[in-house]
N, C-alpha and C. Protein backbone atom coordinates (compact mmCIF):
# COMPACT_ATOMS: atom_id res chain seq x y z
N UNK A 1 0.83 -1.19 0.00
CA UNK A 1 0.00 0.00 0.00
C UNK A 1 0.87 1.25 0.00
N UNK A 2 1.96 1.23 0.74
CA UNK A 2 2.85 2.39 0.79
C UNK A 2 3.41 2.75 -0.57
N UNK A 3 3.78 1.74 -1.35
CA UNK A 3 4.32 2.00 -2.69
C UNK A 3 3.22 2.56 -3.59
N UNK A 4 2.05 1.99 -3.51
CA UNK A 4 0.93 2.48 -4.33
C UNK A 4 0.58 3.93 -3.97
N UNK A 5 0.60 4.25 -2.69
CA UNK A 5 0.32 5.62 -2.26
C UNK A 5 1.40 6.57 -2.77
N UNK A 6 2.64 6.14 -2.70
CA UNK A 6 3.74 6.96 -3.23
C UNK A 6 3.55 7.20 -4.73
N UNK A 7 3.18 6.16 -5.46
CA UNK A 7 2.94 6.30 -6.90
C UNK A 7 1.80 7.28 -7.16
N UNK A 8 0.72 7.15 -6.40
CA UNK A 8 -0.43 8.04 -6.57
C UNK A 8 -0.03 9.48 -6.31
N UNK A 9 0.71 9.71 -5.24
CA UNK A 9 1.14 11.07 -4.91
C UNK A 9 2.06 11.63 -5.99
N UNK A 10 2.97 10.80 -6.48
CA UNK A 10 3.89 11.25 -7.54
C UNK A 10 3.13 11.59 -8.82
N UNK A 11 2.18 10.74 -9.18
CA UNK A 11 1.38 11.00 -10.37
C UNK A 11 0.55 12.27 -10.21
N UNK A 12 -0.02 12.47 -9.04
CA UNK A 12 -0.82 13.67 -8.79
C UNK A 12 0.05 14.93 -8.88
N UNK A 13 1.24 14.88 -8.30
CA UNK A 13 2.13 16.03 -8.36
C UNK A 13 2.54 16.38 -9.79
N UNK A 14 2.63 15.36 -10.63
CA UNK A 14 3.04 15.61 -12.02
C UNK A 14 1.85 15.94 -12.92
N UNK A 15 0.65 16.04 -12.32
CA UNK A 15 -0.52 16.43 -13.09
C UNK A 15 -1.26 15.28 -13.75
N UNK A 16 -0.84 14.06 -13.49
CA UNK A 16 -1.50 12.89 -14.08
C UNK A 16 -2.58 12.40 -13.11
N UNK A 17 -3.60 13.23 -12.98
CA UNK A 17 -4.61 13.05 -11.94
C UNK A 17 -5.48 11.82 -12.15
N UNK A 18 -5.85 11.54 -13.38
CA UNK A 18 -6.69 10.36 -13.62
C UNK A 18 -5.95 9.08 -13.24
N UNK A 19 -4.67 9.01 -13.57
CA UNK A 19 -3.87 7.84 -13.20
C UNK A 19 -3.71 7.76 -11.68
N UNK A 20 -3.49 8.91 -11.07
CA UNK A 20 -3.33 8.95 -9.61
C UNK A 20 -4.59 8.45 -8.92
N UNK A 21 -5.74 8.85 -9.44
CA UNK A 21 -7.00 8.45 -8.80
C UNK A 21 -7.19 6.94 -8.82
N UNK A 22 -6.73 6.27 -9.83
CA UNK A 22 -6.84 4.81 -9.88
C UNK A 22 -6.10 4.18 -8.70
N UNK A 23 -4.93 4.71 -8.41
CA UNK A 23 -4.14 4.20 -7.27
C UNK A 23 -4.78 4.60 -5.94
N UNK A 24 -5.22 5.86 -5.86
CA UNK A 24 -5.85 6.32 -4.62
C UNK A 24 -7.07 5.48 -4.27
N UNK A 25 -7.86 5.10 -5.26
CA UNK A 25 -9.06 4.30 -4.99
C UNK A 25 -8.71 2.96 -4.36
N UNK A 26 -7.63 2.36 -4.80
CA UNK A 26 -7.18 1.08 -4.23
C UNK A 26 -6.70 1.29 -2.80
N UNK A 27 -5.92 2.35 -2.59
CA UNK A 27 -5.41 2.64 -1.25
C UNK A 27 -6.57 2.95 -0.30
N UNK A 28 -7.55 3.70 -0.78
CA UNK A 28 -8.69 4.07 0.06
C UNK A 28 -9.45 2.86 0.56
N UNK A 29 -9.54 1.82 -0.25
CA UNK A 29 -10.23 0.60 0.19
C UNK A 29 -9.54 -0.04 1.38
N UNK A 30 -8.22 0.07 1.42
CA UNK A 30 -7.45 -0.51 2.53
C UNK A 30 -7.33 0.42 3.72
N UNK A 31 -7.38 1.72 3.45
CA UNK A 31 -7.16 2.72 4.50
C UNK A 31 -8.26 3.78 4.45
N UNK A 32 -9.51 3.41 4.69
CA UNK A 32 -10.62 4.35 4.50
C UNK A 32 -10.67 5.50 5.50
N UNK A 33 -9.95 5.40 6.58
CA UNK A 33 -9.98 6.44 7.60
C UNK A 33 -8.62 7.13 7.76
N UNK A 34 -7.78 7.05 6.77
CA UNK A 34 -6.48 7.72 6.83
C UNK A 34 -6.63 9.15 6.31
N UNK A 35 -6.39 10.12 7.16
CA UNK A 35 -6.61 11.52 6.78
C UNK A 35 -5.74 11.94 5.61
N UNK A 36 -4.52 11.37 5.51
CA UNK A 36 -3.63 11.76 4.41
C UNK A 36 -4.19 11.28 3.08
N UNK A 37 -4.68 10.06 3.06
CA UNK A 37 -5.26 9.51 1.84
C UNK A 37 -6.48 10.33 1.43
N UNK A 38 -7.36 10.59 2.38
CA UNK A 38 -8.56 11.37 2.09
C UNK A 38 -8.20 12.77 1.60
N UNK A 39 -7.22 13.39 2.25
CA UNK A 39 -6.81 14.74 1.86
C UNK A 39 -6.20 14.75 0.46
N UNK A 40 -5.37 13.77 0.16
CA UNK A 40 -4.71 13.75 -1.15
C UNK A 40 -5.72 13.47 -2.26
N UNK A 41 -6.71 12.65 -1.97
CA UNK A 41 -7.78 12.43 -2.95
C UNK A 41 -8.55 13.72 -3.15
N UNK A 42 -8.88 14.40 -2.06
CA UNK A 42 -9.60 15.67 -2.16
C UNK A 42 -8.81 16.67 -2.99
N UNK A 43 -7.53 16.74 -2.76
CA UNK A 43 -6.68 17.67 -3.50
C UNK A 43 -6.68 17.34 -4.99
N UNK A 44 -6.52 16.07 -5.32
CA UNK A 44 -6.51 15.66 -6.73
C UNK A 44 -7.85 15.96 -7.39
N UNK A 45 -8.94 15.65 -6.69
CA UNK A 45 -10.27 15.93 -7.25
C UNK A 45 -10.50 17.42 -7.41
N UNK A 46 -10.06 18.21 -6.44
CA UNK A 46 -10.22 19.66 -6.53
C UNK A 46 -9.45 20.21 -7.73
N UNK A 47 -8.26 19.69 -7.95
CA UNK A 47 -7.47 20.13 -9.10
C UNK A 47 -8.13 19.77 -10.41
N UNK A 48 -8.95 18.72 -10.40
CA UNK A 48 -9.70 18.34 -11.60
C UNK A 48 -11.01 19.11 -11.71
N UNK A 49 -11.38 19.83 -10.66
CA UNK A 49 -12.65 20.52 -10.63
C UNK A 49 -13.82 19.61 -10.32
N UNK A 50 -13.54 18.48 -9.73
CA UNK A 50 -14.55 17.49 -9.40
C UNK A 50 -15.24 17.86 -8.09
N UNK A 51 -16.56 17.99 -8.07
CA UNK A 51 -17.26 18.39 -6.84
C UNK A 51 -17.15 17.38 -5.71
N UNK A 52 -16.76 16.15 -5.98
CA UNK A 52 -16.59 15.16 -4.91
C UNK A 52 -15.45 15.52 -3.98
N UNK A 53 -14.61 16.47 -4.39
CA UNK A 53 -13.47 16.89 -3.56
C UNK A 53 -13.93 17.34 -2.18
N UNK A 54 -15.06 18.02 -2.13
CA UNK A 54 -15.54 18.55 -0.85
C UNK A 54 -15.83 17.45 0.15
N UNK A 55 -16.44 16.38 -0.29
CA UNK A 55 -16.74 15.27 0.62
C UNK A 55 -15.46 14.68 1.21
N UNK A 56 -14.48 14.43 0.37
CA UNK A 56 -13.22 13.86 0.86
C UNK A 56 -12.49 14.84 1.77
N UNK A 57 -12.52 16.12 1.42
CA UNK A 57 -11.86 17.13 2.25
C UNK A 57 -12.53 17.23 3.62
N UNK A 58 -13.85 17.16 3.65
CA UNK A 58 -14.55 17.22 4.93
C UNK A 58 -14.24 16.00 5.80
N UNK A 59 -14.16 14.85 5.17
CA UNK A 59 -13.83 13.63 5.93
C UNK A 59 -12.42 13.74 6.51
N UNK A 60 -11.47 14.24 5.72
CA UNK A 60 -10.10 14.40 6.22
C UNK A 60 -10.07 15.40 7.37
N UNK A 61 -10.83 16.48 7.22
CA UNK A 61 -10.87 17.52 8.25
C UNK A 61 -11.46 17.00 9.55
N UNK A 62 -12.48 16.14 9.46
CA UNK A 62 -13.07 15.56 10.67
C UNK A 62 -12.04 14.73 11.43
N UNK A 63 -11.14 14.09 10.70
CA UNK A 63 -10.12 13.26 11.34
C UNK A 63 -8.93 14.07 11.85
N UNK A 64 -8.66 15.20 11.19
CA UNK A 64 -7.46 15.98 11.53
C UNK A 64 -7.72 17.48 11.40
N UNK A 65 -8.58 18.04 12.25
CA UNK A 65 -8.98 19.44 12.08
C UNK A 65 -7.86 20.46 12.33
N UNK A 66 -6.81 20.08 13.02
CA UNK A 66 -5.74 21.04 13.32
C UNK A 66 -4.63 21.05 12.27
N UNK A 67 -4.72 20.18 11.29
CA UNK A 67 -3.67 20.07 10.27
C UNK A 67 -3.84 21.19 9.24
N UNK A 68 -2.83 22.04 9.07
CA UNK A 68 -2.97 23.17 8.14
C UNK A 68 -3.12 22.75 6.68
N UNK A 69 -2.53 21.65 6.29
CA UNK A 69 -2.66 21.18 4.91
C UNK A 69 -4.08 20.70 4.66
N UNK A 70 -4.63 19.96 5.61
CA UNK A 70 -6.00 19.49 5.51
C UNK A 70 -6.96 20.69 5.47
N UNK A 71 -6.71 21.69 6.30
CA UNK A 71 -7.55 22.89 6.31
C UNK A 71 -7.49 23.62 4.97
N UNK A 72 -6.31 23.71 4.40
CA UNK A 72 -6.15 24.38 3.11
C UNK A 72 -6.89 23.63 2.00
N UNK A 73 -6.82 22.32 2.04
CA UNK A 73 -7.53 21.52 1.04
C UNK A 73 -9.04 21.72 1.18
N UNK A 74 -9.52 21.71 2.42
CA UNK A 74 -10.94 21.93 2.65
C UNK A 74 -11.34 23.33 2.17
N UNK A 75 -10.53 24.31 2.47
CA UNK A 75 -10.83 25.68 2.02
C UNK A 75 -10.92 25.78 0.51
N UNK A 76 -10.00 25.13 -0.18
CA UNK A 76 -10.02 25.12 -1.64
C UNK A 76 -11.29 24.47 -2.17
N UNK A 77 -11.64 23.31 -1.60
CA UNK A 77 -12.84 22.60 -2.04
C UNK A 77 -14.10 23.43 -1.79
N UNK A 78 -14.13 24.12 -0.66
CA UNK A 78 -15.29 24.97 -0.36
C UNK A 78 -15.38 26.15 -1.32
N UNK A 79 -14.24 26.76 -1.62
CA UNK A 79 -14.24 27.87 -2.57
C UNK A 79 -14.74 27.43 -3.94
N UNK A 80 -14.36 26.24 -4.35
CA UNK A 80 -14.81 25.74 -5.65
C UNK A 80 -16.32 25.55 -5.69
N UNK A 81 -16.92 25.37 -4.54
CA UNK A 81 -18.37 25.20 -4.46
C UNK A 81 -19.06 26.52 -4.09
N UNK A 82 -18.31 27.63 -4.20
CA UNK A 82 -18.84 28.98 -3.91
C UNK A 82 -19.31 29.13 -2.47
N UNK A 83 -18.61 28.49 -1.56
CA UNK A 83 -18.94 28.59 -0.13
C UNK A 83 -17.85 29.42 0.56
N UNK A 84 -17.84 30.70 0.24
CA UNK A 84 -16.79 31.59 0.71
C UNK A 84 -16.73 31.67 2.23
N UNK A 85 -17.87 31.87 2.88
CA UNK A 85 -17.88 32.00 4.34
C UNK A 85 -17.30 30.77 5.02
N UNK A 86 -17.73 29.58 4.56
CA UNK A 86 -17.22 28.35 5.15
C UNK A 86 -15.72 28.17 4.87
N UNK A 87 -15.29 28.60 3.71
CA UNK A 87 -13.87 28.49 3.35
C UNK A 87 -13.01 29.34 4.27
N UNK A 88 -13.49 30.52 4.61
CA UNK A 88 -12.75 31.39 5.51
C UNK A 88 -12.63 30.75 6.89
N UNK A 89 -13.65 30.04 7.30
CA UNK A 89 -13.64 29.38 8.61
C UNK A 89 -12.68 28.19 8.66
N UNK A 90 -12.45 27.55 7.53
CA UNK A 90 -11.56 26.38 7.48
C UNK A 90 -10.15 26.84 7.70
């Protein structure tokens, strides 16, 4: 799982988001409550403009509300859904 997650993260960083999502989906099945996995999926989906990003970002935030990276991802996902007030709170 660690290697697959590394591959997904590397693919996402290089902009190959569809390929990254295939790996993330496999990792998510094994680690459904890992805030890093949820956050990275949210980030990849947000970069694609996919509205599902908000759900993953909220789940990551519930698990790790004090993490600044998770908060930033949630804020981005909220902004994409035109939820400015909520984004400022994140």
